[in-house]
């Protein structure tokens, strides 16, 4: 059984930084892939960043150069460092993890989300 818990969201001024954390509870054997999604008010959910067990990362164009995803398997945690935040980054951010091939099965587990609000 896997449970993902996000933390680190909050209110920040434009240009500021936040670091989101996603920690897996229960028995943990590692995830082939983890990612961060976000959903802004009135908009569809989008994939922000992914990190695989092979060490590869990927980012949506709008956050490249500003966001960094990383993993700490010992702490069972994935992070999203967000710098130079913009009001358009305001959204609920969701952590997700795959224990199977996400290209075939999609993400298997989801956190409940953490709200990031960037004020101007």
N, C-alpha and C. Protein backbone atom coordinates (compact mmCIF):
# COMPACT_ATOMS: atom_id res chain seq x y z
N UNK A 1 0.84 -1.17 0.00
CA UNK A 1 0.00 0.00 0.00
C UNK A 1 0.89 1.24 0.00
N UNK A 2 0.52 2.21 -0.81
CA UNK A 2 1.29 3.43 -0.96
C UNK A 2 0.39 4.63 -0.72
N UNK A 3 0.90 5.56 0.04
CA UNK A 3 0.22 6.83 0.25
C UNK A 3 1.22 7.95 0.03
N UNK A 4 0.83 8.93 -0.77
CA UNK A 4 1.68 10.07 -1.06
C UNK A 4 1.13 11.30 -0.36
N UNK A 5 2.01 12.02 0.30
CA UNK A 5 1.62 13.21 1.05
C UNK A 5 2.49 14.37 0.61
N UNK A 6 1.85 15.42 0.09
CA UNK A 6 2.57 16.61 -0.33
C UNK A 6 2.64 17.63 0.80
N UNK A 7 3.66 18.45 0.74
CA UNK A 7 3.80 19.55 1.67
C UNK A 7 4.63 20.64 1.01
N UNK A 8 4.61 21.82 1.60
CA UNK A 8 5.44 22.91 1.12
C UNK A 8 4.71 24.00 0.37
N UNK A 9 3.45 23.79 0.09
CA UNK A 9 2.70 24.83 -0.59
C UNK A 9 2.44 26.01 0.32
N UNK A 10 2.03 27.10 -0.29
CA UNK A 10 1.75 28.29 0.48
C UNK A 10 1.63 29.50 -0.41
N UNK A 11 1.67 30.65 0.22
CA UNK A 11 1.58 31.93 -0.47
C UNK A 11 2.96 32.53 -0.59
N UNK A 12 3.30 32.96 -1.79
CA UNK A 12 4.61 33.55 -2.04
C UNK A 12 4.46 34.70 -3.02
N UNK A 13 5.32 35.68 -2.88
CA UNK A 13 5.33 36.81 -3.79
C UNK A 13 5.97 36.41 -5.12
N UNK A 14 5.51 37.03 -6.19
CA UNK A 14 6.12 36.78 -7.49
C UNK A 14 7.62 37.00 -7.42
N UNK A 15 8.36 36.08 -8.03
CA UNK A 15 9.80 36.11 -7.97
C UNK A 15 10.39 35.30 -6.85
N UNK A 16 9.56 34.86 -5.93
CA UNK A 16 10.03 34.08 -4.81
C UNK A 16 10.16 32.61 -5.14
N UNK A 17 10.44 31.83 -4.11
CA UNK A 17 10.69 30.41 -4.28
C UNK A 17 9.93 29.59 -3.25
N UNK A 18 9.62 28.37 -3.64
CA UNK A 18 9.05 27.38 -2.76
C UNK A 18 9.63 26.02 -3.12
N UNK A 19 9.68 25.15 -2.14
CA UNK A 19 10.05 23.77 -2.40
C UNK A 19 8.95 22.85 -1.92
N UNK A 20 8.40 22.10 -2.84
CA UNK A 20 7.39 21.13 -2.52
C UNK A 20 8.03 19.78 -2.23
N UNK A 21 7.45 19.07 -1.30
CA UNK A 21 7.92 17.74 -0.96
C UNK A 21 6.78 16.75 -1.08
N UNK A 22 7.11 15.56 -1.50
CA UNK A 22 6.15 14.48 -1.59
C UNK A 22 6.79 13.26 -0.97
N UNK A 23 6.19 12.78 0.11
CA UNK A 23 6.74 11.66 0.85
C UNK A 23 5.81 10.47 0.77
N UNK A 24 6.40 9.33 0.53
CA UNK A 24 5.65 8.09 0.47
C UNK A 24 5.61 7.44 1.85
N UNK A 25 4.42 7.06 2.28
CA UNK A 25 4.27 6.36 3.55
C UNK A 25 4.02 4.88 3.29
N UNK A 26 4.17 4.10 4.35
CA UNK A 26 4.00 2.66 4.20
C UNK A 26 5.23 2.01 3.61
N UNK A 27 5.05 0.80 3.16
CA UNK A 27 6.15 0.06 2.57
C UNK A 27 6.57 0.70 1.25
N UNK A 28 7.86 0.91 1.12
CA UNK A 28 8.39 1.59 -0.05
C UNK A 28 9.50 0.76 -0.67
N UNK A 29 9.36 0.50 -1.93
CA UNK A 29 10.37 -0.25 -2.67
C UNK A 29 10.98 0.55 -3.81
N UNK A 30 10.56 1.79 -3.92
CA UNK A 30 11.01 2.63 -5.01
C UNK A 30 9.97 2.71 -6.12
N UNK A 31 9.98 3.83 -6.80
CA UNK A 31 9.03 4.05 -7.89
C UNK A 31 9.80 4.19 -9.20
N UNK A 32 9.36 3.52 -10.24
CA UNK A 32 10.00 3.73 -11.54
C UNK A 32 9.89 5.16 -12.03
N UNK A 33 8.81 5.84 -11.68
CA UNK A 33 8.64 7.20 -12.11
C UNK A 33 7.78 7.96 -11.10
N UNK A 34 8.11 9.22 -10.92
CA UNK A 34 7.30 10.11 -10.11
C UNK A 34 7.18 11.43 -10.85
N UNK A 35 6.12 12.14 -10.53
CA UNK A 35 5.92 13.40 -11.21
C UNK A 35 5.09 14.36 -10.39
N UNK A 36 5.16 15.60 -10.81
CA UNK A 36 4.34 16.66 -10.24
C UNK A 36 3.39 17.17 -11.31
N UNK A 37 2.14 17.26 -10.95
CA UNK A 37 1.11 17.85 -11.79
C UNK A 37 0.58 19.09 -11.10
N UNK A 38 -0.09 19.92 -11.87
CA UNK A 38 -0.76 21.05 -11.27
C UNK A 38 -2.05 21.35 -12.01
N UNK A 39 -2.96 21.94 -11.28
CA UNK A 39 -4.22 22.34 -11.86
C UNK A 39 -4.56 23.73 -11.35
N UNK A 40 -4.57 24.68 -12.25
CA UNK A 40 -4.93 26.05 -11.93
C UNK A 40 -6.44 26.20 -11.97
N UNK A 41 -6.95 27.18 -11.27
CA UNK A 41 -8.40 27.40 -11.29
C UNK A 41 -8.92 27.57 -12.72
N UNK A 42 -9.94 26.81 -13.05
CA UNK A 42 -10.55 26.90 -14.36
C UNK A 42 -9.77 26.29 -15.48
N UNK A 43 -8.69 25.61 -15.20
CA UNK A 43 -7.85 25.01 -16.23
C UNK A 43 -7.70 23.52 -16.01
N UNK A 44 -7.26 22.83 -17.05
CA UNK A 44 -7.04 21.40 -16.97
C UNK A 44 -5.74 21.10 -16.23
N UNK A 45 -5.70 19.91 -15.68
CA UNK A 45 -4.48 19.47 -15.02
C UNK A 45 -3.38 19.25 -16.05
N UNK A 46 -2.18 19.67 -15.70
CA UNK A 46 -1.05 19.49 -16.59
C UNK A 46 0.13 18.88 -15.86
N UNK A 47 0.92 18.16 -16.59
CA UNK A 47 2.13 17.58 -16.06
C UNK A 47 3.21 18.65 -16.01
N UNK A 48 3.80 18.82 -14.84
CA UNK A 48 4.81 19.85 -14.65
C UNK A 48 6.22 19.29 -14.80
N UNK A 49 6.48 18.18 -14.13
CA UNK A 49 7.83 17.61 -14.13
C UNK A 49 7.76 16.14 -13.79
N UNK A 50 8.70 15.37 -14.33
CA UNK A 50 8.80 13.95 -14.03
C UNK A 50 10.24 13.58 -13.72
N UNK A 51 10.38 12.51 -12.95
CA UNK A 51 11.68 11.98 -12.58
C UNK A 51 11.56 10.47 -12.58
N UNK A 52 12.43 9.81 -13.32
CA UNK A 52 12.40 8.36 -13.41
C UNK A 52 13.52 7.74 -12.58
N UNK A 53 13.41 6.43 -12.37
CA UNK A 53 14.44 5.73 -11.62
C UNK A 53 15.75 5.65 -12.39
N UNK A 54 15.73 5.98 -13.65
CA UNK A 54 16.94 6.04 -14.44
C UNK A 54 17.63 7.39 -14.33
N UNK A 55 17.01 8.32 -13.63
CA UNK A 55 17.60 9.62 -13.42
C UNK A 55 17.22 10.67 -14.43
N UNK A 56 16.36 10.35 -15.35
CA UNK A 56 15.95 11.31 -16.35
C UNK A 56 14.86 12.22 -15.81
N UNK A 57 14.87 13.44 -16.27
CA UNK A 57 13.87 14.42 -15.87
C UNK A 57 13.27 15.08 -17.09
N UNK A 58 12.08 15.59 -16.91
CA UNK A 58 11.40 16.28 -17.99
C UNK A 58 10.51 17.35 -17.39
N UNK A 59 10.36 18.46 -18.12
CA UNK A 59 9.61 19.59 -17.62
C UNK A 59 8.73 20.16 -18.71
N UNK A 60 7.61 20.68 -18.29
CA UNK A 60 6.80 21.43 -19.22
C UNK A 60 7.55 22.72 -19.56
N UNK A 61 7.38 23.18 -20.78
CA UNK A 61 8.18 24.31 -21.26
C UNK A 61 8.06 25.54 -20.37
N UNK A 62 6.90 25.76 -19.81
CA UNK A 62 6.66 26.98 -19.06
C UNK A 62 7.47 27.06 -17.77
N UNK A 63 8.01 25.94 -17.29
CA UNK A 63 8.76 25.96 -16.04
C UNK A 63 10.23 25.64 -16.23
N UNK A 64 10.66 25.35 -17.43
CA UNK A 64 12.06 25.02 -17.68
C UNK A 64 12.95 26.19 -17.27
N UNK A 65 14.01 25.86 -16.57
CA UNK A 65 14.92 26.87 -16.09
C UNK A 65 14.53 27.47 -14.76
N UNK A 66 13.32 27.18 -14.30
CA UNK A 66 12.86 27.72 -13.03
C UNK A 66 12.58 26.64 -12.00
N UNK A 67 12.09 25.49 -12.45
CA UNK A 67 11.74 24.40 -11.55
C UNK A 67 12.75 23.26 -11.69
N UNK A 68 12.96 22.56 -10.59
CA UNK A 68 13.84 21.41 -10.58
C UNK A 68 13.20 20.29 -9.77
N UNK A 69 13.10 19.12 -10.37
CA UNK A 69 12.57 17.96 -9.67
C UNK A 69 13.74 17.07 -9.25
N UNK A 70 13.64 16.50 -8.07
CA UNK A 70 14.69 15.63 -7.57
C UNK A 70 14.09 14.57 -6.67
N UNK A 71 14.87 13.53 -6.42
CA UNK A 71 14.41 12.43 -5.57
C UNK A 71 15.44 12.11 -4.51
N UNK A 72 14.96 11.69 -3.37
CA UNK A 72 15.80 11.18 -2.30
C UNK A 72 15.18 9.86 -1.87
N UNK A 73 15.68 8.78 -2.41
CA UNK A 73 15.07 7.48 -2.15
C UNK A 73 15.20 7.07 -0.68
N UNK A 74 16.29 7.48 -0.04
CA UNK A 74 16.46 7.15 1.37
C UNK A 74 15.37 7.77 2.22
N UNK A 75 14.93 8.96 1.85
CA UNK A 75 13.86 9.64 2.58
C UNK A 75 12.49 9.38 1.98
N UNK A 76 12.46 8.59 0.92
CA UNK A 76 11.20 8.26 0.23
C UNK A 76 10.47 9.53 -0.17
N UNK A 77 11.21 10.46 -0.71
CA UNK A 77 10.68 11.79 -0.99
C UNK A 77 11.10 12.27 -2.37
N UNK A 78 10.18 12.93 -3.03
CA UNK A 78 10.48 13.64 -4.26
C UNK A 78 10.21 15.12 -4.02
N UNK A 79 11.04 15.97 -4.59
CA UNK A 79 10.95 17.40 -4.38
C UNK A 79 10.68 18.12 -5.69
N UNK A 80 10.08 19.27 -5.55
CA UNK A 80 9.97 20.20 -6.66
C UNK A 80 10.41 21.57 -6.16
N UNK A 81 11.60 21.96 -6.55
CA UNK A 81 12.11 23.28 -6.23
C UNK A 81 11.60 24.26 -7.26
N UNK A 82 10.91 25.28 -6.81
CA UNK A 82 10.29 26.25 -7.70
C UNK A 82 10.89 27.62 -7.42
N UNK A 83 11.57 28.16 -8.40
CA UNK A 83 12.19 29.47 -8.29
C UNK A 83 11.55 30.42 -9.29
N UNK A 84 11.77 31.70 -9.05
CA UNK A 84 11.25 32.74 -9.94
C UNK A 84 9.78 32.54 -10.23
N UNK A 85 9.04 32.32 -9.18
CA UNK A 85 7.62 32.01 -9.34
C UNK A 85 6.85 33.17 -9.94
N UNK A 86 5.88 32.82 -10.74
CA UNK A 86 5.02 33.77 -11.42
C UNK A 86 3.58 33.55 -10.99
N UNK A 87 2.76 34.57 -11.08
CA UNK A 87 1.34 34.38 -10.74
C UNK A 87 0.70 33.24 -11.52
N UNK A 88 1.13 33.01 -12.75
CA UNK A 88 0.57 31.94 -13.55
C UNK A 88 0.92 30.56 -13.03
N UNK A 89 1.85 30.47 -12.08
CA UNK A 89 2.17 29.20 -11.45
C UNK A 89 1.18 28.82 -10.37
N UNK A 90 0.30 29.73 -10.02
CA UNK A 90 -0.70 29.46 -9.00
C UNK A 90 -1.55 28.26 -9.40
N UNK A 91 -1.59 27.27 -8.53
CA UNK A 91 -2.32 26.05 -8.82
C UNK A 91 -2.26 25.14 -7.61
N UNK A 92 -3.07 24.10 -7.65
CA UNK A 92 -2.91 23.00 -6.73
C UNK A 92 -1.93 22.02 -7.37
N UNK A 93 -0.88 21.70 -6.64
CA UNK A 93 0.15 20.82 -7.15
C UNK A 93 -0.04 19.43 -6.56
N UNK A 94 0.00 18.44 -7.43
CA UNK A 94 -0.22 17.05 -7.05
C UNK A 94 1.02 16.21 -7.32
N UNK A 95 1.35 15.40 -6.36
CA UNK A 95 2.40 14.42 -6.52
C UNK A 95 1.78 13.12 -7.04
N UNK A 96 2.48 12.46 -7.93
CA UNK A 96 2.00 11.19 -8.47
C UNK A 96 3.18 10.24 -8.63
N UNK A 97 2.88 8.95 -8.55
CA UNK A 97 3.91 7.93 -8.65
C UNK A 97 3.40 6.75 -9.45
N UNK A 98 4.33 6.13 -10.15
CA UNK A 98 4.03 4.95 -10.94
C UNK A 98 4.84 3.78 -10.42
N UNK A 99 4.18 2.65 -10.23
CA UNK A 99 4.87 1.41 -9.90
C UNK A 99 4.91 0.48 -11.10
N UNK A 100 4.23 0.82 -12.15
CA UNK A 100 4.26 0.14 -13.42
C UNK A 100 4.67 1.14 -14.47
N UNK A 101 4.72 0.67 -15.69
CA UNK A 101 5.09 1.56 -16.78
C UNK A 101 3.99 2.61 -16.96
N UNK A 102 4.28 3.87 -16.66
CA UNK A 102 3.22 4.87 -16.76
C UNK A 102 2.76 5.12 -18.18
N UNK A 103 3.60 4.79 -19.16
CA UNK A 103 3.18 4.95 -20.54
C UNK A 103 2.03 4.01 -20.88
N UNK A 104 1.96 2.90 -20.19
CA UNK A 104 0.90 1.93 -20.42
C UNK A 104 -0.24 2.09 -19.43
N UNK A 105 0.09 2.26 -18.17
CA UNK A 105 -0.91 2.23 -17.10
C UNK A 105 -1.21 3.59 -16.51
N UNK A 106 -0.46 4.60 -16.84
CA UNK A 106 -0.62 5.89 -16.20
C UNK A 106 -0.03 5.87 -14.80
N UNK A 107 -0.26 6.93 -14.07
CA UNK A 107 0.20 6.99 -12.70
C UNK A 107 -0.71 6.15 -11.80
N UNK A 108 -0.11 5.47 -10.85
CA UNK A 108 -0.83 4.55 -9.98
C UNK A 108 -1.29 5.18 -8.68
N UNK A 109 -0.55 6.16 -8.19
CA UNK A 109 -0.87 6.77 -6.91
C UNK A 109 -0.80 8.27 -7.01
N UNK A 110 -1.68 8.92 -6.27
CA UNK A 110 -1.78 10.37 -6.27
C UNK A 110 -1.88 10.90 -4.86
N UNK A 111 -1.23 12.03 -4.63
CA UNK A 111 -1.43 12.75 -3.40
C UNK A 111 -2.69 13.60 -3.48
N UNK A 112 -3.03 14.21 -2.38
CA UNK A 112 -4.23 15.03 -2.31
C UNK A 112 -4.01 16.45 -2.78
N UNK A 113 -2.78 16.85 -2.97
CA UNK A 113 -2.48 18.16 -3.50
C UNK A 113 -2.08 19.16 -2.43
N UNK A 114 -1.30 20.13 -2.85
CA UNK A 114 -0.93 21.24 -2.00
C UNK A 114 -1.04 22.53 -2.80
N UNK A 115 -1.63 23.53 -2.21
CA UNK A 115 -1.93 24.76 -2.93
C UNK A 115 -0.74 25.71 -2.93
N UNK A 116 -0.39 26.17 -4.11
CA UNK A 116 0.64 27.19 -4.29
C UNK A 116 -0.03 28.43 -4.85
N UNK A 117 0.11 29.53 -4.15
CA UNK A 117 -0.46 30.80 -4.58
C UNK A 117 0.65 31.82 -4.72
N UNK A 118 0.78 32.37 -5.90
CA UNK A 118 1.81 33.36 -6.19
C UNK A 118 1.12 34.69 -6.41
N UNK A 119 1.40 35.63 -5.56
CA UNK A 119 0.78 36.94 -5.64
C UNK A 119 1.65 37.89 -6.44
N UNK A 120 1.00 38.87 -7.04
CA UNK A 120 1.72 39.88 -7.81
C UNK A 120 1.91 41.15 -7.01
